[in-house]
Amino acid sequence: MPPSRTASAPQPALPATDRLERGRQAAPQVFEQLREMIISLALAPGTVLNRVTLQQEFGLSSTPIRDALLRLQEDGLVDIFPQHATVVSPIDLRLAQQAHFLRRSLELEIVRDLALARDPRLVARLQGFLAQQQALMEAADFEAFSLTDQAFHQHLYEAARMTDLWSLVRSRSGHIDRLRRLHLPTPGKAQDIVQHHRLIVQAIAEGRPEDAQEHLRHHLSGTLSYVDEIRAKYPGYVRG
């Protein structure tokens, strides 16, 4: 049953239309911008997305807006109620658990292979990400910190020549990523992430594949173990 419009969160201001790049198809850009707003919780669960408003904000016709919303629906990030509304979906715990399983399974093998390869150039690049995260953590810039966290993991896939698998993981991670965004401001969480990353990089640098896997396993398990606390703090945001 579609939610009541009056009970749903209002639609916040959207990105300026000058952020749409000329020469690129509009629908993928709208999808990416709305997806990031949903993942960052700028568009919180329950927010109604009005198609006419979206057309006006982006300066587009109905077709690219419709196509972008359909892609968001495929990723489970919005619920579309025909003739009624499009609403940002709650965080689905089952889908979050599946995405966690997928990512853990892939990255355990990736960090093992990277530790066996012991590429000092890769280690230097990863240490650069660590320095960025340390600075962002100290500035309490959780938005930028989260993006750098994603970039760190993406670089692991790229180093292992598994970029297509990163695209797969990203397309399935909308729900677990939102849980992580809710958990990130918890005191000590950002520090834990930086420390886990540091231990993973050290194990890769020293050619210790089993240790790299153990640190990664511990790193990825954090948020799901705090679901009850997240649910209590953000009632209505999590289902399942």
Foldseek 3Di string as FASTA:
>chain_A
DDDDPVVADEDDQFDALVVQDPPDDRLVVVLVRVLLCDLLCVQAFRYWDDQVVVCVRNVHDSVSSVSSLVLCVVLVQWDDDPPPTITGHFQEPVLQVVLLVLLLVVVLVLLLVLLQVQDVVLLVVLVVLLVVLVVCVVVVVLSVNLVSLLVSSCSSCVVSVNNVSSVVSVSSNSRNSSLCSLVCVPPPLSVLLSVLSVQLSVSSNNSNSVSNSVSVVVNSVPRVVCVVVSCVVPPPRYDD
